[in-house]
Structures are given as C-alpha cells and as structure tokens.
Amino acid sequence: MAQAYTSTGEIILFDLSPGPVHWGHIPPQSTDGTPFTSNSHSNVSATGVYLPGYKVGYLDKTNNGPSILAYMKYSAGTIACAAGHICSYDTSSTVSSTWYTITNDGDDGILSPVAYVALEAMTDTYWGWFWCGGVAPADYVSAFSATDALIDTNGSVADESLLEMVDGDSDEDIIFAKAAATNFQAFGLSFAIDA
C-alpha cells in the first residue's frame, strides 16, 4: 500500500511505556514557553537530565484529553528523525542493553505495542521528550495541532481503527497501519481515515 498520513489530533495512544506517570509535573519551560522542546533538557545533550523513561502527564486543552510524555534516548536510524516520527525500542547491537533507547528505523526498532512519537527533530544519542500516551500534546508542541497531518501510515487506516507498527520499507522508517483483527499488539486508536 502507498504511504499516507493522518492527523495527530485524530489519534489516541495507549500508554504502554513502563513506569508511573507524574501527573501535573511539567518540566521547566524555555524562554519561548515550551517545556518539552527546544530547551535545556530536550535534544541538547547525550547526558539525560531526568531518569530514563521518566513520564509526565497533563490535560491537553487543545485536544481535550490527557497527554503522556516519556523522557527517552534517541538512536539515529537511516533517516533523520523529525517531529511526528514514530519510534520504538532500538535492538541494534550498540544499544540492545538499554531499554530506554528508541529509534525511528524500521530495521533496528522492535515493531511492538509500545510507541513513542518524536516531538521535534532529534540528534543521535541525545535525550528528549516523546509522546507515548493519550492525545497529542498540542498545548505545548505547535507541530501537533489537530489540523497537522504528521503521522505516517501505510494507507490502510480507517475511521475508528486500532493501530499497529509496520516497517515503512521505502525509506526505512516505522509507520502506523490498521491492526489486523488477530493482532493483539495494538497501541493506539485512530478516529479518522488516513489520506
């Protein structure tokens, strides 16, 4: 199937990332008012500021629901990571012993029911915040407003579809697809048809 896209405002992710959610704890904001991107603790260093997998949650007013984000280490694949790219646990030989390292490379990532979506372009080996549960964090990430079509799909996503990960193959990325009826690894739900 051809690659397509769906809006972040039309997706809910099931939080399957390990660890408790720290509700209401928003990281310190940068001078432009963004606590999750372009600041002193996201995508600026190979040394993490928070514990691996640290999760925060808040009520997103733009998308009218809870949003959960996790602090993870990014490992570069064959394509550059941009906002909206889907990541999963990295199984490459250099990072296989670190459960908190994720990649957007379909050949190195585990196509599992645990999904992380990049909030911004990421640098190899750097730490940052990733959307892992609930609605998209549009209040704090302008690229995730309800009208932006940022999430790659394989063209199979229908209204009210459960979602699973598949290898995009064409450019080695990980994309979303409609979960097969026999697949119990769904990690999210789409409320719109992809285009």
N, C-alpha and C. Protein backbone atom coordinates (compact mmCIF):
# COMPACT_ATOMS: atom_id res chain seq x y z
N MET A 1 0.83 -1.18 0.00
CA MET A 1 0.00 0.00 0.00
C MET A 1 0.87 1.25 0.00
N ALA A 2 0.35 2.31 -0.54
CA ALA A 2 1.09 3.57 -0.61
C ALA A 2 1.15 4.23 0.76
N GLN A 3 2.23 4.97 0.98
CA GLN A 3 2.36 5.68 2.24
C GLN A 3 1.38 6.85 2.27
N ALA A 4 0.79 7.10 3.43
CA ALA A 4 -0.20 8.16 3.60
C ALA A 4 0.05 8.82 4.95
N TYR A 5 -0.86 9.68 5.38
CA TYR A 5 -0.69 10.41 6.63
C TYR A 5 -2.02 10.55 7.34
N THR A 6 -1.96 10.72 8.66
CA THR A 6 -3.16 11.03 9.44
C THR A 6 -2.80 12.10 10.45
N SER A 7 -3.77 12.83 10.91
CA SER A 7 -3.56 13.95 11.81
C SER A 7 -3.29 13.48 13.24
N THR A 8 -2.36 14.15 13.91
CA THR A 8 -2.08 13.82 15.31
C THR A 8 -3.30 14.07 16.19
N GLY A 9 -4.15 14.99 15.79
CA GLY A 9 -5.36 15.28 16.56
C GLY A 9 -6.42 14.21 16.45
N GLU A 10 -6.21 13.23 15.60
CA GLU A 10 -7.17 12.15 15.39
C GLU A 10 -6.68 10.82 15.93
N ILE A 11 -5.63 10.85 16.77
CA ILE A 11 -5.04 9.62 17.29
C ILE A 11 -4.98 9.66 18.81
N ILE A 12 -5.25 8.53 19.43
CA ILE A 12 -5.02 8.35 20.87
C ILE A 12 -4.05 7.18 21.01
N LEU A 13 -2.96 7.39 21.76
CA LEU A 13 -2.01 6.30 22.02
C LEU A 13 -2.31 5.67 23.36
N PHE A 14 -2.19 4.35 23.44
CA PHE A 14 -2.32 3.64 24.71
C PHE A 14 -0.96 3.70 25.39
N ASP A 15 -0.89 4.20 26.61
CA ASP A 15 0.39 4.31 27.32
C ASP A 15 0.81 2.93 27.81
N LEU A 16 1.75 2.32 27.09
CA LEU A 16 2.28 1.01 27.45
C LEU A 16 3.75 1.10 27.85
N SER A 17 4.26 2.31 27.96
CA SER A 17 5.64 2.53 28.37
C SER A 17 5.75 2.25 29.87
N PRO A 18 6.81 1.57 30.31
CA PRO A 18 6.91 1.20 31.73
C PRO A 18 7.08 2.41 32.64
N GLY A 19 6.58 2.27 33.85
CA GLY A 19 6.77 3.30 34.87
C GLY A 19 5.54 4.14 35.14
N PRO A 20 5.52 4.79 36.31
CA PRO A 20 4.37 5.62 36.68
C PRO A 20 4.36 6.95 35.93
N VAL A 21 3.18 7.53 35.81
CA VAL A 21 3.03 8.85 35.20
C VAL A 21 2.99 9.89 36.32
N HIS A 22 3.79 10.92 36.19
CA HIS A 22 3.81 12.02 37.15
C HIS A 22 2.84 13.08 36.65
N TRP A 23 1.59 13.00 37.08
CA TRP A 23 0.54 13.89 36.59
C TRP A 23 0.75 15.31 37.10
N GLY A 24 0.64 16.25 36.18
CA GLY A 24 0.73 17.66 36.53
C GLY A 24 2.14 18.20 36.63
N HIS A 25 3.17 17.34 36.52
CA HIS A 25 4.54 17.84 36.58
C HIS A 25 5.00 18.22 35.17
N ILE A 26 5.06 19.51 34.91
CA ILE A 26 5.52 19.99 33.61
C ILE A 26 6.96 20.45 33.79
N PRO A 27 7.88 19.98 32.95
CA PRO A 27 9.29 20.39 33.08
C PRO A 27 9.46 21.90 32.97
N PRO A 28 10.56 22.44 33.47
CA PRO A 28 10.80 23.88 33.36
C PRO A 28 10.76 24.33 31.91
N GLN A 29 10.14 25.47 31.68
CA GLN A 29 9.99 25.96 30.32
C GLN A 29 11.18 26.78 29.86
N SER A 30 11.39 26.78 28.56
CA SER A 30 12.43 27.62 27.97
C SER A 30 11.89 29.03 27.82
N THR A 31 12.69 29.92 27.31
CA THR A 31 12.28 31.32 27.19
C THR A 31 11.09 31.51 26.26
N ASP A 32 10.88 30.58 25.33
CA ASP A 32 9.72 30.72 24.43
C ASP A 32 8.48 30.00 24.96
N GLY A 33 8.54 29.49 26.19
CA GLY A 33 7.38 28.89 26.82
C GLY A 33 7.13 27.44 26.49
N THR A 34 8.10 26.74 25.93
CA THR A 34 7.92 25.33 25.59
C THR A 34 8.67 24.43 26.57
N PRO A 35 7.95 23.62 27.36
CA PRO A 35 8.62 22.77 28.34
C PRO A 35 9.16 21.46 27.77
N PHE A 36 8.75 21.07 26.58
CA PHE A 36 9.14 19.76 26.06
C PHE A 36 10.08 19.82 24.85
N THR A 37 10.19 20.95 24.19
CA THR A 37 11.05 21.07 23.00
C THR A 37 11.91 22.32 23.10
N SER A 38 13.02 22.30 22.40
CA SER A 38 13.90 23.47 22.28
C SER A 38 14.25 24.10 23.62
N ASN A 39 14.73 23.28 24.55
CA ASN A 39 15.07 23.82 25.86
C ASN A 39 16.31 23.13 26.41
N SER A 40 16.60 23.38 27.67
CA SER A 40 17.85 22.90 28.27
C SER A 40 17.86 21.41 28.59
N HIS A 41 16.75 20.71 28.42
CA HIS A 41 16.73 19.29 28.78
C HIS A 41 16.20 18.38 27.67
N SER A 42 15.95 18.91 26.48
CA SER A 42 15.45 18.08 25.39
C SER A 42 16.26 18.32 24.12
N ASN A 43 16.83 17.26 23.59
CA ASN A 43 17.60 17.26 22.36
C ASN A 43 18.79 18.23 22.40
N VAL A 44 19.46 18.31 23.53
CA VAL A 44 20.64 19.18 23.63
C VAL A 44 21.87 18.46 24.15
N SER A 45 21.71 17.21 24.63
CA SER A 45 22.86 16.55 25.23
C SER A 45 22.70 15.03 25.22
N ALA A 46 23.85 14.35 25.20
CA ALA A 46 23.86 12.89 25.32
C ALA A 46 23.78 12.47 26.78
N THR A 47 23.74 13.44 27.68
CA THR A 47 23.56 13.17 29.11
C THR A 47 22.15 13.59 29.50
N GLY A 48 21.37 12.65 30.00
CA GLY A 48 19.99 12.95 30.37
C GLY A 48 19.88 13.80 31.62
N VAL A 49 18.84 14.60 31.69
CA VAL A 49 18.55 15.44 32.85
C VAL A 49 17.59 14.73 33.80
N TYR A 50 16.68 13.93 33.23
CA TYR A 50 15.71 13.16 34.01
C TYR A 50 16.10 11.68 33.98
N LEU A 51 15.50 10.89 34.83
CA LEU A 51 15.73 9.45 34.82
C LEU A 51 15.24 8.85 33.50
N PRO A 52 15.86 7.77 33.03
CA PRO A 52 15.40 7.13 31.80
C PRO A 52 13.94 6.70 31.93
N GLY A 53 13.14 7.05 30.94
CA GLY A 53 11.74 6.66 30.91
C GLY A 53 10.83 7.49 31.80
N TYR A 54 11.34 8.55 32.42
CA TYR A 54 10.52 9.40 33.29
C TYR A 54 9.31 9.89 32.49
N LYS A 55 8.11 9.74 33.07
CA LYS A 55 6.89 10.11 32.35
C LYS A 55 6.13 11.20 33.08
N VAL A 56 5.60 12.13 32.30
CA VAL A 56 4.74 13.19 32.82
C VAL A 56 3.41 13.17 32.08
N GLY A 57 2.38 13.63 32.75
CA GLY A 57 1.07 13.69 32.13
C GLY A 57 0.36 14.98 32.50
N TYR A 58 -0.46 15.47 31.60
CA TYR A 58 -1.24 16.68 31.86
C TYR A 58 -2.50 16.63 31.00
N LEU A 59 -3.46 17.50 31.28
CA LEU A 59 -4.69 17.57 30.50
C LEU A 59 -4.48 18.57 29.36
N ASP A 60 -4.46 18.08 28.13
CA ASP A 60 -4.24 18.93 26.96
C ASP A 60 -5.56 19.59 26.58
N LYS A 61 -5.60 20.91 26.62
CA LYS A 61 -6.83 21.65 26.34
C LYS A 61 -7.13 21.71 24.85
N THR A 62 -6.11 21.70 24.00
CA THR A 62 -6.34 21.76 22.56
C THR A 62 -7.03 20.50 22.06
N ASN A 63 -6.54 19.34 22.48
CA ASN A 63 -7.11 18.06 22.04
C ASN A 63 -8.08 17.45 23.05
N ASN A 64 -8.39 18.19 24.12
CA ASN A 64 -9.41 17.79 25.10
C ASN A 64 -9.21 16.40 25.69
N GLY A 65 -8.02 16.16 26.23
CA GLY A 65 -7.79 14.87 26.85
C GLY A 65 -6.42 14.80 27.50
N PRO A 66 -6.16 13.70 28.22
CA PRO A 66 -4.85 13.53 28.86
C PRO A 66 -3.77 13.23 27.83
N SER A 67 -2.59 13.78 28.07
CA SER A 67 -1.43 13.52 27.21
C SER A 67 -0.28 13.05 28.09
N ILE A 68 0.43 12.02 27.66
CA ILE A 68 1.53 11.44 28.43
C ILE A 68 2.80 11.48 27.58
N LEU A 69 3.90 11.94 28.20
CA LEU A 69 5.18 12.04 27.51
C LEU A 69 6.26 11.34 28.32
N ALA A 70 7.21 10.72 27.61
CA ALA A 70 8.30 10.00 28.27
C ALA A 70 9.65 10.58 27.84
N TYR A 71 10.60 10.56 28.76
CA TYR A 71 11.95 11.06 28.51
C TYR A 71 12.82 9.88 28.10
N MET A 72 13.22 9.86 26.82
CA MET A 72 13.92 8.71 26.25
C MET A 72 15.17 9.16 25.49
N LYS A 73 16.06 8.21 25.24
CA LYS A 73 17.28 8.47 24.48
C LYS A 73 17.06 8.03 23.03
N TYR A 74 17.40 8.89 22.08
CA TYR A 74 17.17 8.60 20.67
C TYR A 74 18.43 8.04 20.01
N SER A 75 18.25 7.04 19.17
CA SER A 75 19.34 6.44 18.39
C SER A 75 18.99 6.60 16.91
N ALA A 76 19.86 7.26 16.15
CA ALA A 76 19.58 7.55 14.74
C ALA A 76 19.51 6.29 13.90
N GLY A 77 18.58 6.30 12.98
CA GLY A 77 18.45 5.23 12.00
C GLY A 77 19.00 5.71 10.67
N THR A 78 18.44 5.18 9.59
CA THR A 78 18.92 5.55 8.26
C THR A 78 18.29 6.84 7.76
N ILE A 79 17.23 7.33 8.41
CA ILE A 79 16.64 8.61 8.04
C ILE A 79 16.64 9.53 9.25
N ALA A 80 16.66 10.82 8.99
CA ALA A 80 16.65 11.80 10.08
C ALA A 80 15.31 11.76 10.80
N CYS A 81 15.33 12.01 12.10
CA CYS A 81 14.12 11.99 12.91
C CYS A 81 13.53 13.40 12.97
N ALA A 82 12.27 13.53 12.62
CA ALA A 82 11.56 14.81 12.65
C ALA A 82 10.35 14.71 13.57
N ALA A 83 9.74 15.83 13.88
CA ALA A 83 8.51 15.83 14.68
C ALA A 83 7.48 14.95 14.01
N GLY A 84 6.84 14.08 14.78
CA GLY A 84 5.83 13.18 14.25
C GLY A 84 6.35 11.82 13.84
N HIS A 85 7.67 11.62 13.86
CA HIS A 85 8.20 10.30 13.51
C HIS A 85 7.92 9.31 14.64
N ILE A 86 7.58 8.11 14.26
CA ILE A 86 7.25 7.05 15.20
C ILE A 86 8.53 6.30 15.56
N CYS A 87 8.72 6.09 16.86
CA CYS A 87 9.90 5.39 17.35
C CYS A 87 9.50 4.20 18.21
N SER A 88 10.41 3.23 18.30
CA SER A 88 10.21 2.07 19.15
C SER A 88 11.57 1.66 19.71
N TYR A 89 11.57 0.68 20.60
CA TYR A 89 12.80 0.25 21.24
C TYR A 89 13.84 -0.17 20.20
N ASP A 90 15.07 0.29 20.37
CA ASP A 90 16.15 0.01 19.45
C ASP A 90 16.81 -1.32 19.82
N THR A 91 16.95 -2.21 18.84
CA THR A 91 17.56 -3.52 19.08
C THR A 91 18.91 -3.66 18.41
N SER A 92 19.47 -2.56 17.88
CA SER A 92 20.77 -2.66 17.23
C SER A 92 21.82 -3.08 18.26
N SER A 93 22.89 -3.68 17.81
CA SER A 93 23.88 -4.26 18.72
C SER A 93 24.53 -3.25 19.65
N THR A 94 24.56 -1.98 19.25
CA THR A 94 25.24 -0.98 20.09
C THR A 94 24.40 -0.52 21.27
N VAL A 95 23.08 -0.72 21.22
CA VAL A 95 22.24 -0.21 22.31
C VAL A 95 21.26 -1.25 22.86
N SER A 96 21.42 -2.50 22.51
CA SER A 96 20.42 -3.51 22.86
C SER A 96 20.27 -3.72 24.37
N SER A 97 21.24 -3.27 25.16
CA SER A 97 21.12 -3.47 26.61
C SER A 97 20.50 -2.28 27.31
N THR A 98 20.09 -1.27 26.58
CA THR A 98 19.48 -0.08 27.19
C THR A 98 18.02 0.02 26.77
N TRP A 99 17.12 -0.35 27.65
CA TRP A 99 15.70 -0.39 27.33
C TRP A 99 15.13 0.97 26.99
N TYR A 100 15.79 2.03 27.39
CA TYR A 100 15.27 3.39 27.21
C TYR A 100 15.73 4.04 25.91
N THR A 101 16.45 3.30 25.05
CA THR A 101 16.91 3.85 23.78
C THR A 101 15.93 3.46 22.69
N ILE A 102 15.49 4.46 21.92
CA ILE A 102 14.48 4.23 20.87
C ILE A 102 15.00 4.75 19.53
N THR A 103 14.39 4.25 18.46
CA THR A 103 14.79 4.65 17.11
C THR A 103 13.57 4.74 16.21
N ASN A 104 13.71 5.48 15.12
CA ASN A 104 12.65 5.54 14.10
C ASN A 104 12.99 4.65 12.90
N ASP A 105 14.02 3.83 13.02
CA ASP A 105 14.48 2.95 11.95
C ASP A 105 13.72 1.63 12.02
N GLY A 106 13.00 1.30 10.95
CA GLY A 106 12.21 0.08 10.92
C GLY A 106 13.03 -1.20 10.97
N ASP A 107 14.31 -1.11 10.59
CA ASP A 107 15.16 -2.30 10.64
C ASP A 107 15.76 -2.54 12.02
N ASP A 108 15.93 -1.48 12.81
CA ASP A 108 16.52 -1.61 14.15
C ASP A 108 15.49 -1.58 15.27
N GLY A 109 14.31 -1.06 15.01
CA GLY A 109 13.29 -0.95 16.05
C GLY A 109 12.44 -2.19 16.16
N ILE A 110 11.99 -2.47 17.38
CA ILE A 110 11.05 -3.57 17.62
C ILE A 110 9.67 -3.06 17.25
N LEU A 111 8.98 -3.73 16.35
CA LEU A 111 7.63 -3.31 15.97
C LEU A 111 6.68 -3.86 17.03
N SER A 112 6.67 -3.17 18.18
CA SER A 112 5.98 -3.65 19.37
C SER A 112 4.73 -2.81 19.65
N PRO A 113 4.00 -3.14 20.69
CA PRO A 113 2.84 -2.31 21.04
C PRO A 113 3.20 -1.06 21.83
N VAL A 114 4.48 -0.77 22.01
CA VAL A 114 4.90 0.44 22.74
C VAL A 114 5.40 1.46 21.72
N ALA A 115 4.66 2.55 21.55
CA ALA A 115 5.02 3.56 20.56
C ALA A 115 5.44 4.86 21.23
N TYR A 116 6.44 5.50 20.63
CA TYR A 116 6.89 6.82 21.05
C TYR A 116 6.90 7.70 19.81
N VAL A 117 6.36 8.90 19.89
CA VAL A 117 6.32 9.81 18.75
C VAL A 117 7.18 11.03 19.07
N ALA A 118 8.12 11.33 18.17
CA ALA A 118 9.04 12.45 18.38
C ALA A 118 8.29 13.77 18.38
N LEU A 119 8.66 14.66 19.31
CA LEU A 119 8.05 15.98 19.39
C LEU A 119 8.81 17.00 18.56
N GLU A 120 10.03 16.66 18.19
CA GLU A 120 10.88 17.58 17.42
C GLU A 120 11.94 16.75 16.70
N ALA A 121 12.70 17.39 15.82
CA ALA A 121 13.83 16.71 15.19
C ALA A 121 14.82 16.31 16.28
N MET A 122 15.33 15.09 16.21
CA MET A 122 16.22 14.59 17.26
C MET A 122 17.61 14.32 16.70
N THR A 123 18.61 14.46 17.57
CA THR A 123 20.00 14.19 17.26
C THR A 123 20.40 12.84 17.83
N ASP A 124 21.21 12.09 17.11
CA ASP A 124 21.66 10.77 17.56
C ASP A 124 22.29 10.83 18.95
N THR A 125 21.90 9.92 19.80
CA THR A 125 22.35 9.71 21.19
C THR A 125 21.87 10.79 22.17
N TYR A 126 21.02 11.70 21.73
CA TYR A 126 20.51 12.75 22.61
C TYR A 126 19.21 12.33 23.28
N TRP A 127 18.96 12.91 24.44
CA TRP A 127 17.74 12.67 25.22
C TRP A 127 16.67 13.68 24.85
N GLY A 128 15.40 13.25 24.94
CA GLY A 128 14.31 14.17 24.66
C GLY A 128 12.98 13.60 25.08
N TRP A 129 11.95 14.43 24.93
CA TRP A 129 10.58 14.03 25.28
C TRP A 129 9.89 13.44 24.06
N PHE A 130 9.11 12.37 24.30
CA PHE A 130 8.37 11.69 23.24
C PHE A 130 6.94 11.45 23.73
N TRP A 131 5.97 11.67 22.86
CA TRP A 131 4.56 11.38 23.16
C TRP A 131 4.39 9.88 23.19
N CYS A 132 3.82 9.34 24.31
CA CYS A 132 3.67 7.88 24.42
C CYS A 132 2.27 7.46 24.85
N GLY A 133 1.39 8.40 25.20
CA GLY A 133 0.06 8.01 25.62
C GLY A 133 -0.94 9.15 25.55
N GLY A 134 -2.21 8.78 25.41
CA GLY A 134 -3.27 9.77 25.37
C GLY A 134 -3.29 10.55 24.07
N VAL A 135 -3.81 11.78 24.15
CA VAL A 135 -3.91 12.64 22.97
C VAL A 135 -2.57 13.32 22.70
N ALA A 136 -2.40 13.85 21.50
CA ALA A 136 -1.17 14.56 21.14
C ALA A 136 -1.01 15.80 22.00
N PRO A 137 0.22 16.12 22.41
CA PRO A 137 0.47 17.26 23.29
C PRO A 137 0.47 18.60 22.54
N ALA A 138 -0.68 18.97 21.99
CA ALA A 138 -0.77 20.17 21.16
C ALA A 138 -0.61 21.46 21.95
N ASP A 139 -0.96 21.46 23.23
CA ASP A 139 -0.82 22.69 24.03
C ASP A 139 0.63 23.17 24.08
N TYR A 140 1.57 22.24 24.10
CA TYR A 140 2.97 22.59 24.25
C TYR A 140 3.82 22.33 23.01
N VAL A 141 3.26 21.65 22.00
CA VAL A 141 4.01 21.34 20.79
C VAL A 141 3.18 21.82 19.60
N SER A 142 3.54 22.97 19.05
CA SER A 142 2.73 23.57 17.99
C SER A 142 2.62 22.68 16.76
N ALA A 143 3.62 21.85 16.51
CA ALA A 143 3.57 20.96 15.35
C ALA A 143 2.50 19.89 15.49
N PHE A 144 1.92 19.74 16.69
CA PHE A 144 0.92 18.70 16.92
C PHE A 144 -0.50 19.26 17.03
N SER A 145 -0.80 20.36 16.39
CA SER A 145 -2.17 20.87 16.42
C SER A 145 -3.08 19.89 15.69
N ALA A 146 -4.37 19.96 15.97
CA ALA A 146 -5.31 18.96 15.45
C ALA A 146 -5.40 18.95 13.93
N THR A 147 -4.97 20.00 13.25
CA THR A 147 -5.09 20.03 11.79
C THR A 147 -3.83 19.60 11.06
N ASP A 148 -2.74 19.37 11.78
CA ASP A 148 -1.50 18.97 11.12
C ASP A 148 -1.50 17.48 10.82
N ALA A 149 -1.21 17.12 9.59
CA ALA A 149 -1.12 15.72 9.19
C ALA A 149 0.33 15.29 9.25
N LEU A 150 0.76 14.78 10.41
CA LEU A 150 2.16 14.50 10.62
C LEU A 150 2.53 13.03 10.72
N ILE A 151 1.59 12.17 11.03
CA ILE A 151 1.90 10.77 11.31
C ILE A 151 1.82 9.94 10.03
N ASP A 152 2.92 9.24 9.71
CA ASP A 152 2.96 8.39 8.52
C ASP A 152 2.13 7.13 8.75
N THR A 153 1.38 6.73 7.72
CA THR A 153 0.63 5.47 7.74
C THR A 153 0.89 4.74 6.42
N ASN A 154 0.37 3.54 6.30
CA ASN A 154 0.54 2.80 5.06
C ASN A 154 -0.68 2.87 4.16
N GLY A 155 -1.62 3.76 4.47
CA GLY A 155 -2.82 3.91 3.64
C GLY A 155 -3.96 2.99 4.02
N SER A 156 -3.80 2.19 5.08
CA SER A 156 -4.84 1.23 5.47
C SER A 156 -5.70 1.70 6.63
N VAL A 157 -5.36 2.84 7.23
CA VAL A 157 -6.05 3.28 8.44
C VAL A 157 -7.45 3.78 8.10
N ALA A 158 -8.43 3.21 8.77
CA ALA A 158 -9.83 3.61 8.58
C ALA A 158 -10.34 4.30 9.84
N ASP A 159 -11.52 4.88 9.74
CA ASP A 159 -12.14 5.52 10.89
C ASP A 159 -12.31 4.49 12.01
N GLU A 160 -11.92 4.87 13.22
CA GLU A 160 -12.01 4.03 14.42
C GLU A 160 -11.20 2.73 14.29
N SER A 161 -10.01 2.83 13.73
CA SER A 161 -9.11 1.68 13.59
C SER A 161 -8.17 1.58 14.78
N LEU A 162 -7.91 0.34 15.23
CA LEU A 162 -6.79 0.11 16.13
C LEU A 162 -5.52 0.21 15.30
N LEU A 163 -4.44 0.68 15.92
CA LEU A 163 -3.19 0.91 15.18
C LEU A 163 -2.11 -0.06 15.62
N GLU A 164 -1.23 -0.42 14.68
CA GLU A 164 -0.04 -1.20 14.96
C GLU A 164 1.12 -0.58 14.18
N MET A 165 2.35 -1.00 14.50
CA MET A 165 3.53 -0.51 13.79
C MET A 165 3.90 -1.46 12.67
N VAL A 166 4.36 -0.88 11.55
CA VAL A 166 4.91 -1.67 10.46
C VAL A 166 6.16 -0.96 9.96
N ASP A 167 7.04 -1.71 9.30
CA ASP A 167 8.24 -1.13 8.70
C ASP A 167 7.82 -0.47 7.39
N GLY A 168 8.14 0.83 7.25
CA GLY A 168 7.74 1.58 6.07
C GLY A 168 8.45 1.14 4.80
N ASP A 169 9.57 0.45 4.92
CA ASP A 169 10.36 -0.09 3.81
C ASP A 169 10.89 0.95 2.83
N SER A 170 10.04 1.82 2.30
CA SER A 170 10.51 2.74 1.26
C SER A 170 11.64 3.63 1.74
N ASP A 171 11.59 4.08 2.97
CA ASP A 171 12.70 4.90 3.49
C ASP A 171 13.15 4.43 4.86
N GLU A 172 12.87 3.17 5.17
CA GLU A 172 13.36 2.51 6.38
C GLU A 172 12.76 3.05 7.68
N ASP A 173 11.66 3.78 7.60
CA ASP A 173 11.07 4.31 8.82
C ASP A 173 9.99 3.38 9.36
N ILE A 174 9.50 3.71 10.55
CA ILE A 174 8.39 2.98 11.16
C ILE A 174 7.13 3.79 10.93
N ILE A 175 6.06 3.14 10.49
CA ILE A 175 4.81 3.85 10.24
C ILE A 175 3.66 3.12 10.92
N PHE A 176 2.51 3.78 11.00
CA PHE A 176 1.30 3.19 11.58
C PHE A 176 0.51 2.47 10.48
N ALA A 177 -0.23 1.44 10.89
CA ALA A 177 -1.13 0.72 9.99
C ALA A 177 -2.34 0.27 10.79
N LYS A 178 -3.40 -0.05 10.09
CA LYS A 178 -4.58 -0.61 10.75
C LYS A 178 -4.21 -1.98 11.27
N ALA A 179 -4.48 -2.22 12.55
CA ALA A 179 -4.13 -3.50 13.17
C ALA A 179 -5.00 -4.62 12.60
N ALA A 180 -4.38 -5.75 12.34
CA ALA A 180 -5.11 -6.93 11.88
C ALA A 180 -6.03 -7.42 12.99
N ALA A 181 -7.13 -8.03 12.61
CA ALA A 181 -8.11 -8.50 13.60
C ALA A 181 -7.50 -9.49 14.58
N THR A 182 -6.47 -10.21 14.14
CA THR A 182 -5.84 -11.20 15.01
C THR A 182 -4.65 -10.64 15.78
N ASN A 183 -4.33 -9.36 15.58
CA ASN A 183 -3.17 -8.76 16.22
C ASN A 183 -3.56 -8.16 17.57
N PHE A 184 -2.92 -8.64 18.62
CA PHE A 184 -3.22 -8.12 19.95
C PHE A 184 -2.14 -7.17 20.43
N GLN A 185 -1.37 -6.59 19.50
CA GLN A 185 -0.33 -5.65 19.84
C GLN A 185 -0.71 -4.22 19.48
N ALA A 186 -1.97 -3.91 19.41
CA ALA A 186 -2.41 -2.56 19.08
C ALA A 186 -1.96 -1.60 20.18
N PHE A 187 -1.53 -0.41 19.81
CA PHE A 187 -1.05 0.57 20.78
C PHE A 187 -1.77 1.89 20.68
N GLY A 188 -2.75 1.98 19.79
CA GLY A 188 -3.45 3.24 19.65
C GLY A 188 -4.72 3.08 18.85
N LEU A 189 -5.43 4.20 18.71
CA LEU A 189 -6.71 4.22 18.04
C LEU A 189 -6.77 5.46 17.16
N SER A 190 -7.22 5.30 15.91
CA SER A 190 -7.39 6.43 15.00
C SER A 190 -8.87 6.73 14.85
N PHE A 191 -9.20 8.02 14.86
CA PHE A 191 -10.59 8.43 14.70
C PHE A 191 -10.85 8.99 13.31
N ALA A 192 -9.92 8.81 12.38
CA ALA A 192 -10.10 9.35 11.04
C ALA A 192 -9.41 8.45 10.02
N ILE A 193 -9.85 8.53 8.78
CA ILE A 193 -9.24 7.81 7.67
C ILE A 193 -7.98 8.56 7.27
N ASP A 194 -6.91 7.80 6.96
CA ASP A 194 -5.70 8.47 6.50
C ASP A 194 -5.87 8.94 5.07
N ALA A 195 -5.00 9.85 4.65
CA ALA A 195 -5.10 10.42 3.30
C ALA A 195 -3.74 10.41 2.63
